[in-house]
Amino acid sequence: MSRLLFWLALIFLVGFAIRSKIREAQKRQQPFNQPPPAGAGPAPGPAARQHGNAEIETMLQCAHCGVFYPASETVQARGRDYCSAAHAAMPPA
């Protein structure tokens, strides 16, 4: 009897893990600008709705390290864009 319970519990846990991975993959594939399908969970609150109306900000790449960052945080030096003042002060790579 205990073997049967063990196998039933194992099958249940494996099925649960597979189901959660499938849901996670579906959420990642959903475009950001589309609302979730009906019945997919609670409606977004006022803060989430306000964030969804914001403009998409341009991303720039740091001339020193190559990291992408928002254009509003740029530090310009010697005609190039940097992610921080420390990278702007370093000699060109």
C-alpha atoms as a PDB file:
ATOM      1  CA  MET A   1       0.000   0.000   0.000  1.00  0.00           C
ATOM      2  CA  SER A   2       2.816   2.414   0.843  1.00  0.00           C
ATOM      3  CA  ARG A   3       4.423   1.798  -2.559  1.00  0.00           C
ATOM      4  CA  LEU A   4       1.179   2.733  -4.272  1.00  0.00           C
ATOM      5  CA  LEU A   5       0.942   5.977  -2.294  1.00  0.00           C
ATOM      6  CA  PHE A   6       4.565   6.757  -3.095  1.00  0.00           C
ATOM      7  CA  TRP A   7       4.038   6.316  -6.842  1.00  0.00           C
ATOM      8  CA  LEU A   8       0.803   8.317  -6.824  1.00  0.00           C
ATOM      9  CA  ALA A   9       2.518  11.176  -4.981  1.00  0.00           C
ATOM     10  CA  LEU A  10       5.462  11.065  -7.385  1.00  0.00           C
ATOM     11  CA  ILE A  11       3.190  11.167 -10.443  1.00  0.00           C
ATOM     12  CA  PHE A  12       1.232  14.063  -8.925  1.00  0.00           C
ATOM     13  CA  LEU A  13       4.414  16.073  -8.224  1.00  0.00           C
ATOM     14  CA  VAL A  14       5.855  15.476 -11.706  1.00  0.00           C
ATOM     15  CA  GLY A  15       2.549  16.514 -13.310  1.00  0.00           C
ATOM     16  CA  PHE A  16       2.414  19.633 -11.162  1.00  0.00           C
ATOM     17  CA  ALA A  17       5.999  20.593 -12.118  1.00  0.00           C
ATOM     18  CA  ILE A  18       5.336  20.105 -15.833  1.00  0.00           C
ATOM     19  CA  ARG A  19       2.127  22.136 -15.635  1.00  0.00           C
ATOM     20  CA  SER A  20       3.844  25.048 -13.882  1.00  0.00           C
ATOM     21  CA  LYS A  21       6.670  25.086 -16.460  1.00  0.00           C
ATOM     22  CA  ILE A  22       4.161  25.196 -19.300  1.00  0.00           C
ATOM     23  CA  ARG A  23       2.308  28.128 -17.686  1.00  0.00           C
ATOM     24  CA  GLU A  24       5.598  29.980 -17.135  1.00  0.00           C
ATOM     25  CA  ALA A  25       6.584  29.488 -20.791  1.00  0.00           C
ATOM     26  CA  GLN A  26       3.194  30.772 -21.957  1.00  0.00           C
ATOM     27  CA  LYS A  27       3.553  33.908 -19.824  1.00  0.00           C
ATOM     28  CA  ARG A  28       6.986  34.611 -21.323  1.00  0.00           C
ATOM     29  CA  GLN A  29       5.621  34.322 -24.868  1.00  0.00           C
ATOM     30  CA  GLN A  30       2.794  36.807 -24.251  1.00  0.00           C
ATOM     31  CA  PRO A  31       3.635  40.282 -25.657  1.00  0.00           C
ATOM     32  CA  PHE A  32       4.011  43.016 -23.061  1.00  0.00           C
ATOM     33  CA  ASN A  33       1.586  45.423 -24.731  1.00  0.00           C
ATOM     34  CA  GLN A  34      -1.368  42.998 -24.727  1.00  0.00           C
ATOM     35  CA  PRO A  35      -3.574  42.492 -21.673  1.00  0.00           C
ATOM     36  CA  PRO A  36      -3.711  38.980 -20.206  1.00  0.00           C
ATOM     37  CA  PRO A  37      -6.534  36.750 -21.481  1.00  0.00           C
ATOM     38  CA  ALA A  38      -9.820  36.778 -19.566  1.00  0.00           C
ATOM     39  CA  GLY A  39      -9.736  34.625 -16.471  1.00  0.00           C
ATOM     40  CA  ALA A  40      -5.928  34.648 -16.277  1.00  0.00           C
ATOM     41  CA  GLY A  41      -5.864  36.272 -12.880  1.00  0.00           C
ATOM     42  CA  PRO A  42      -6.789  39.468 -11.068  1.00  0.00           C
ATOM     43  CA  ALA A  43      -7.050  42.725 -12.964  1.00  0.00           C
ATOM     44  CA  PRO A  44      -3.985  44.968 -12.697  1.00  0.00           C
ATOM     45  CA  GLY A  45      -4.122  47.690 -10.078  1.00  0.00           C
ATOM     46  CA  PRO A  46      -3.930  51.445 -10.760  1.00  0.00           C
ATOM     47  CA  ALA A  47      -0.128  51.485 -10.473  1.00  0.00           C
ATOM     48  CA  ALA A  48       0.235  48.723 -13.072  1.00  0.00           C
ATOM     49  CA  ARG A  49      -2.192  50.450 -15.420  1.00  0.00           C
ATOM     50  CA  GLN A  50      -0.339  53.736 -15.045  1.00  0.00           C
ATOM     51  CA  HIS A  51       2.990  52.026 -15.797  1.00  0.00           C
ATOM     52  CA  GLY A  52       1.524  50.444 -18.943  1.00  0.00           C
ATOM     53  CA  ASN A  53       0.709  53.891 -20.364  1.00  0.00           C
ATOM     54  CA  ALA A  54       4.288  55.160 -20.038  1.00  0.00           C
ATOM     55  CA  GLU A  55       6.365  55.654 -23.152  1.00  0.00           C
ATOM     56  CA  ILE A  56       8.988  53.093 -24.013  1.00  0.00           C
ATOM     57  CA  GLU A  57      12.412  54.548 -23.330  1.00  0.00           C
ATOM     58  CA  THR A  58      15.309  54.192 -25.751  1.00  0.00           C
ATOM     59  CA  MET A  59      18.160  51.996 -24.562  1.00  0.00           C
ATOM     60  CA  LEU A  60      21.784  52.907 -25.254  1.00  0.00           C
ATOM     61  CA  GLN A  61      24.957  50.830 -25.044  1.00  0.00           C
ATOM     62  CA  CYS A  62      27.884  51.924 -22.881  1.00  0.00           C
ATOM     63  CA  ALA A  63      30.978  52.651 -24.976  1.00  0.00           C
ATOM     64  CA  HIS A  64      33.201  51.143 -22.255  1.00  0.00           C
ATOM     65  CA  CYS A  65      31.484  47.995 -20.908  1.00  0.00           C
ATOM     66  CA  GLY A  66      28.763  47.341 -23.509  1.00  0.00           C
ATOM     67  CA  VAL A  67      25.890  47.241 -20.998  1.00  0.00           C
ATOM     68  CA  PHE A  68      22.535  48.563 -22.222  1.00  0.00           C
ATOM     69  CA  TYR A  69      20.898  51.249 -20.046  1.00  0.00           C
ATOM     70  CA  PRO A  70      18.053  53.802 -20.354  1.00  0.00           C
ATOM     71  CA  ALA A  71      18.865  56.913 -22.382  1.00  0.00           C
ATOM     72  CA  SER A  72      17.773  59.130 -19.475  1.00  0.00           C
ATOM     73  CA  GLU A  73      20.743  57.842 -17.420  1.00  0.00           C
ATOM     74  CA  THR A  74      23.421  58.524 -20.038  1.00  0.00           C
ATOM     75  CA  VAL A  75      26.704  60.277 -19.276  1.00  0.00           C
ATOM     76  CA  GLN A  76      28.260  61.784 -22.399  1.00  0.00           C
ATOM     77  CA  ALA A  77      31.997  62.354 -22.721  1.00  0.00           C
ATOM     78  CA  ARG A  78      34.241  62.738 -25.753  1.00  0.00           C
ATOM     79  CA  GLY A  79      31.221  62.338 -28.044  1.00  0.00           C
ATOM     80  CA  ARG A  80      30.336  58.872 -26.692  1.00  0.00           C
ATOM     81  CA  ASP A  81      27.644  57.565 -24.344  1.00  0.00           C
ATOM     82  CA  TYR A  82      28.555  55.880 -21.035  1.00  0.00           C
ATOM     83  CA  CYS A  83      26.479  54.150 -18.347  1.00  0.00           C
ATOM     84  CA  SER A  84      28.189  55.946 -15.441  1.00  0.00           C
ATOM     85  CA  ALA A  85      30.535  58.802 -14.659  1.00  0.00           C
ATOM     86  CA  ALA A  86      33.208  56.281 -13.624  1.00  0.00           C
ATOM     87  CA  HIS A  87      33.224  54.696 -17.088  1.00  0.00           C
ATOM     88  CA  ALA A  88      33.227  58.132 -18.751  1.00  0.00           C
ATOM     89  CA  ALA A  89      36.352  59.069 -16.741  1.00  0.00           C
ATOM     90  CA  MET A  90      38.269  55.942 -17.824  1.00  0.00           C
ATOM     91  CA  PRO A  91      40.530  56.069 -20.848  1.00  0.00           C
ATOM     92  CA  PRO A  92      38.954  54.859 -24.131  1.00  0.00           C
ATOM     93  CA  ALA A  93      39.085  51.113 -24.668  1.00  0.00           C
END
